[in-house]
Structure formats: structure tokens, C-alpha cells
Amino acid sequence: MDYSKVTLVEYEKRKKEVFNALRNNVPNITCEGVDCLDCPLKTLCSDHEMMLGDAEMHEPIKAIQLIMEFEPPVDWSKVPVDTKILVRTDDDEIWYKRYFAEYKVGKVYAWNNGQTSYTADGERSSWHQAKLYKEDGE
């Protein structure tokens, strides 16, 4: 993606979505209330030496990239069974298309072999990495 073509309106809209998700959807347009460790722009603020707005002005393209690419953490306990997800064992593997089965003891489980709850006969596996599937491809 060419981040130099992202408009200020697009950036601010996405930034608001990201920060609201990190605050559990409590509306607020500032970074207040978001733990710095969770903030996608933390690398620009250099350990609180710089205010967020100044950091964005100092490296605008990097700020845009960080916000546009950021995926808020998924609350797997709220994901419905048979939701489309992508899973893999480690960073070097390709993502496999699966259907969400359950979240248990900190692990994401998917139905085996791309099946759903209707066809899997209860057979599921846990995965080290998982993310929600986006209808636009990933």
C-alpha cells in the first residue's frame, strides 16, 4: 500500500477505530486510556519523550503505516463458533483457512481440515497463531 496516498480523514478515522478497540470501544479520540505497550504508535513516541501528535508529525508516513496495518487483539472468548479464521503453527508457515471451534485455557481451537461444527464430528486442533479472516483476502 502506498501510505503517502492515505488522506488525513482516512488516517484519523482508522486511528479512532484502533484506539477505541484498544479501549474496549469506549469512545475517546486521544491516546489517554490506552496502555503504551498496546499502542501501535509506541515506537514513535520514544519512551514518552515526545507527545503523540509531535511523534506523528515527526514521522508521518511511519505513523500512517503503523495505524493502517495495526490489528487490535481479538477477544477470542466472544468469537462465534464457525467464524472464518486463519491459523498457523509459527511465523514461517503459510496461513491455513479454518473455522473457529473454541477458545479454551488461552488457546484457539479450529475444526480439523477446514470443516465446520456441522461436519467435523467434534474433531478440532489448537493453533499457536490465529487471526480473524477478512473477506477481502486476509
C-alpha atoms as a PDB file:
ATOM      1  CA  MET A   1       0.000   0.000   0.000  1.00  0.00           C
ATOM      2  CA  ASP A   2       1.242   3.481  -0.839  1.00  0.00           C
ATOM      3  CA  TYR A   3       0.862   5.231   2.518  1.00  0.00           C
ATOM      4  CA  SER A   4       1.651   8.627   1.008  1.00  0.00           C
ATOM      5  CA  LYS A   5      -1.795   8.491  -0.634  1.00  0.00           C
ATOM      6  CA  VAL A   6      -3.745   7.983   2.620  1.00  0.00           C
ATOM      7  CA  THR A   7      -5.788  11.098   3.389  1.00  0.00           C
ATOM      8  CA  LEU A   8      -5.886  12.758   6.797  1.00  0.00           C
ATOM      9  CA  VAL A   9      -9.568  11.822   7.088  1.00  0.00           C
ATOM     10  CA  GLU A  10      -8.813   8.135   6.359  1.00  0.00           C
ATOM     11  CA  TYR A  11      -5.933   8.145   8.837  1.00  0.00           C
ATOM     12  CA  GLU A  12      -7.899   9.825  11.624  1.00  0.00           C
ATOM     13  CA  LYS A  13     -10.896   7.529  11.084  1.00  0.00           C
ATOM     14  CA  ARG A  14      -8.702   4.410  11.255  1.00  0.00           C
ATOM     15  CA  LYS A  15      -6.767   5.772  14.239  1.00  0.00           C
ATOM     16  CA  LYS A  16     -10.021   6.374  16.100  1.00  0.00           C
ATOM     17  CA  GLU A  17     -11.182   2.811  15.317  1.00  0.00           C
ATOM     18  CA  VAL A  18      -7.860   1.358  16.519  1.00  0.00           C
ATOM     19  CA  PHE A  19      -7.740   3.350  19.754  1.00  0.00           C
ATOM     20  CA  ASN A  20     -11.426   2.660  20.522  1.00  0.00           C
ATOM     21  CA  ALA A  21     -10.826  -1.065  20.052  1.00  0.00           C
ATOM     22  CA  LEU A  22      -7.838  -0.894  22.376  1.00  0.00           C
ATOM     23  CA  ARG A  23     -10.021   0.898  24.935  1.00  0.00           C
ATOM     24  CA  ASN A  24     -12.765  -1.723  24.536  1.00  0.00           C
ATOM     25  CA  ASN A  25     -14.839   0.636  22.385  1.00  0.00           C
ATOM     26  CA  VAL A  26     -15.073   3.438  24.929  1.00  0.00           C
ATOM     27  CA  PRO A  27     -15.051   6.448  22.566  1.00  0.00           C
ATOM     28  CA  ASN A  28     -12.148   8.826  23.038  1.00  0.00           C
ATOM     29  CA  ILE A  29     -10.015  10.429  20.325  1.00  0.00           C
ATOM     30  CA  THR A  30      -6.827  10.784  22.360  1.00  0.00           C
ATOM     31  CA  CYS A  31      -4.405   8.063  23.368  1.00  0.00           C
ATOM     32  CA  GLU A  32      -5.306   8.511  27.021  1.00  0.00           C
ATOM     33  CA  GLY A  33      -6.615   5.260  28.408  1.00  0.00           C
ATOM     34  CA  VAL A  34      -4.516   3.044  26.128  1.00  0.00           C
ATOM     35  CA  ASP A  35      -1.528   1.324  27.676  1.00  0.00           C
ATOM     36  CA  CYS A  36       1.631   2.454  25.881  1.00  0.00           C
ATOM     37  CA  LEU A  37       2.624  -1.200  25.462  1.00  0.00           C
ATOM     38  CA  ASP A  38      -0.549  -1.779  23.406  1.00  0.00           C
ATOM     39  CA  CYS A  39      -0.266   1.394  21.322  1.00  0.00           C
ATOM     40  CA  PRO A  40       0.628   0.849  17.660  1.00  0.00           C
ATOM     41  CA  LEU A  41       2.481   4.187  17.672  1.00  0.00           C
ATOM     42  CA  LYS A  42       4.666   3.401  20.683  1.00  0.00           C
ATOM     43  CA  THR A  43       7.838   3.211  18.581  1.00  0.00           C
ATOM     44  CA  LEU A  44       7.367   6.835  17.501  1.00  0.00           C
ATOM     45  CA  CYS A  45       6.958   8.309  20.984  1.00  0.00           C
ATOM     46  CA  SER A  46      10.416   7.209  22.228  1.00  0.00           C
ATOM     47  CA  ASP A  47       9.587   6.391  25.822  1.00  0.00           C
ATOM     48  CA  HIS A  48       7.325   9.370  26.472  1.00  0.00           C
ATOM     49  CA  GLU A  49       9.965  11.897  25.398  1.00  0.00           C
ATOM     50  CA  MET A  50       7.624  13.042  22.641  1.00  0.00           C
ATOM     51  CA  MET A  51       3.886  13.713  22.663  1.00  0.00           C
ATOM     52  CA  LEU A  52       1.855  11.548  20.293  1.00  0.00           C
ATOM     53  CA  GLY A  53       0.892  14.430  17.969  1.00  0.00           C
ATOM     54  CA  ASP A  54       4.531  15.538  17.726  1.00  0.00           C
ATOM     55  CA  ALA A  55       5.604  11.956  17.018  1.00  0.00           C
ATOM     56  CA  GLU A  56       3.072  11.702  14.188  1.00  0.00           C
ATOM     57  CA  MET A  57       4.346  14.957  12.690  1.00  0.00           C
ATOM     58  CA  HIS A  58       7.963  13.846  13.033  1.00  0.00           C
ATOM     59  CA  GLU A  59       7.406  10.597  11.062  1.00  0.00           C
ATOM     60  CA  PRO A  60       4.004  10.897   9.335  1.00  0.00           C
ATOM     61  CA  ILE A  61       4.403   8.058   6.808  1.00  0.00           C
ATOM     62  CA  LYS A  62       5.575   5.665   9.534  1.00  0.00           C
ATOM     63  CA  ALA A  63       2.608   6.721  11.727  1.00  0.00           C
ATOM     64  CA  ILE A  64       0.185   6.111   8.857  1.00  0.00           C
ATOM     65  CA  GLN A  65       1.716   2.699   8.161  1.00  0.00           C
ATOM     66  CA  LEU A  66       1.559   1.655  11.820  1.00  0.00           C
ATOM     67  CA  ILE A  67      -2.093   2.685  12.161  1.00  0.00           C
ATOM     68  CA  MET A  68      -3.309   1.323   8.825  1.00  0.00           C
ATOM     69  CA  GLU A  69      -1.645  -2.077   9.385  1.00  0.00           C
ATOM     70  CA  PHE A  70      -2.498  -2.459  13.062  1.00  0.00           C
ATOM     71  CA  GLU A  71      -4.798  -5.305  14.040  1.00  0.00           C
ATOM     72  CA  PRO A  72      -6.284  -4.909  17.516  1.00  0.00           C
ATOM     73  CA  PRO A  73      -6.114  -8.058  19.643  1.00  0.00           C
ATOM     74  CA  VAL A  74      -9.067 -10.402  19.227  1.00  0.00           C
ATOM     75  CA  ASP A  75     -11.212 -11.285  22.237  1.00  0.00           C
ATOM     76  CA  TRP A  76     -11.471 -14.944  21.280  1.00  0.00           C
ATOM     77  CA  SER A  77     -13.976 -15.605  24.060  1.00  0.00           C
ATOM     78  CA  LYS A  78     -16.509 -13.563  22.064  1.00  0.00           C
ATOM     79  CA  VAL A  79     -15.893 -15.090  18.616  1.00  0.00           C
ATOM     80  CA  PRO A  80     -18.851 -17.193  17.405  1.00  0.00           C
ATOM     81  CA  VAL A  81     -18.317 -20.867  16.536  1.00  0.00           C
ATOM     82  CA  ASP A  82     -17.708 -21.416  12.803  1.00  0.00           C
ATOM     83  CA  THR A  83     -16.304 -17.916  12.227  1.00  0.00           C
ATOM     84  CA  LYS A  84     -13.718 -17.927   9.425  1.00  0.00           C
ATOM     85  CA  ILE A  85     -10.170 -17.691  10.802  1.00  0.00           C
ATOM     86  CA  LEU A  86      -6.580 -18.132   9.628  1.00  0.00           C
ATOM     87  CA  VAL A  87      -4.202 -20.290  11.664  1.00  0.00           C
ATOM     88  CA  ARG A  88      -0.597 -21.439  11.655  1.00  0.00           C
ATOM     89  CA  THR A  89       1.948 -23.015  13.958  1.00  0.00           C
ATOM     90  CA  ASP A  90       4.791 -20.495  13.536  1.00  0.00           C
ATOM     91  CA  ASP A  91       5.896 -17.402  11.627  1.00  0.00           C
ATOM     92  CA  ASP A  92       7.492 -19.399   8.805  1.00  0.00           C
ATOM     93  CA  GLU A  93       4.297 -21.235   7.848  1.00  0.00           C
ATOM     94  CA  ILE A  94       1.566 -20.188   5.482  1.00  0.00           C
ATOM     95  CA  TRP A  95      -1.831 -19.298   6.961  1.00  0.00           C
ATOM     96  CA  TYR A  96      -4.417 -22.102   6.769  1.00  0.00           C
ATOM     97  CA  LYS A  97      -8.116 -21.352   6.344  1.00  0.00           C
ATOM     98  CA  ARG A  98     -10.156 -22.853   9.165  1.00  0.00           C
ATOM     99  CA  TYR A  99     -13.375 -22.348  11.115  1.00  0.00           C
ATOM    100  CA  PHE A 100     -13.241 -21.292  14.761  1.00  0.00           C
ATOM    101  CA  ALA A 101     -14.210 -24.028  17.241  1.00  0.00           C
ATOM    102  CA  GLU A 102     -13.468 -22.606  20.699  1.00  0.00           C
ATOM    103  CA  TYR A 103     -11.133 -20.641  22.945  1.00  0.00           C
ATOM    104  CA  LYS A 104     -10.040 -22.609  25.972  1.00  0.00           C
ATOM    105  CA  VAL A 105      -7.254 -22.107  28.525  1.00  0.00           C
ATOM    106  CA  GLY A 106      -5.630 -19.410  26.388  1.00  0.00           C
ATOM    107  CA  LYS A 107      -5.638 -21.452  23.162  1.00  0.00           C
ATOM    108  CA  VAL A 108      -7.551 -21.028  19.921  1.00  0.00           C
ATOM    109  CA  TYR A 109      -9.058 -24.221  18.508  1.00  0.00           C
ATOM    110  CA  ALA A 110     -10.240 -24.711  14.934  1.00  0.00           C
ATOM    111  CA  TRP A 111     -12.198 -27.532  13.381  1.00  0.00           C
ATOM    112  CA  ASN A 112      -9.890 -30.003  11.602  1.00  0.00           C
ATOM    113  CA  ASN A 113      -9.333 -29.995   7.829  1.00  0.00           C
ATOM    114  CA  GLY A 114     -11.347 -26.848   7.155  1.00  0.00           C
ATOM    115  CA  GLN A 115     -14.561 -28.415   8.359  1.00  0.00           C
ATOM    116  CA  THR A 116     -17.282 -26.704  10.389  1.00  0.00           C
ATOM    117  CA  SER A 117     -19.024 -27.752  13.582  1.00  0.00           C
ATOM    118  CA  TYR A 118     -21.621 -29.434  11.392  1.00  0.00           C
ATOM    119  CA  THR A 119     -19.142 -31.707   9.568  1.00  0.00           C
ATOM    120  CA  ALA A 120     -16.150 -32.107  11.922  1.00  0.00           C
ATOM    121  CA  ASP A 121     -17.660 -34.667  14.320  1.00  0.00           C
ATOM    122  CA  GLY A 122     -16.128 -32.705  17.203  1.00  0.00           C
ATOM    123  CA  GLU A 123     -12.553 -33.063  15.944  1.00  0.00           C
ATOM    124  CA  ARG A 124     -10.535 -29.885  16.449  1.00  0.00           C
ATOM    125  CA  SER A 125      -6.944 -28.782  16.979  1.00  0.00           C
ATOM    126  CA  SER A 126      -5.260 -25.918  18.804  1.00  0.00           C
ATOM    127  CA  TRP A 127      -3.008 -23.463  16.989  1.00  0.00           C
ATOM    128  CA  HIS A 128      -0.163 -21.224  18.150  1.00  0.00           C
ATOM    129  CA  GLN A 129      -1.204 -18.319  15.916  1.00  0.00           C
ATOM    130  CA  ALA A 130      -4.675 -17.295  14.807  1.00  0.00           C
ATOM    131  CA  LYS A 131      -6.359 -14.252  13.331  1.00  0.00           C
ATOM    132  CA  LEU A 132      -9.795 -13.425  12.018  1.00  0.00           C
ATOM    133  CA  TYR A 133     -10.251 -13.885   8.284  1.00  0.00           C
ATOM    134  CA  LYS A 134     -11.089 -10.723   6.382  1.00  0.00           C
ATOM    135  CA  GLU A 135     -13.417 -11.149   3.434  1.00  0.00           C
ATOM    136  CA  ASP A 136     -11.097  -9.001   1.279  1.00  0.00           C
ATOM    137  CA  GLY A 137      -8.485 -11.779   1.341  1.00  0.00           C
ATOM    138  CA  GLU A 138      -6.857 -11.760   4.785  1.00  0.00           C
END
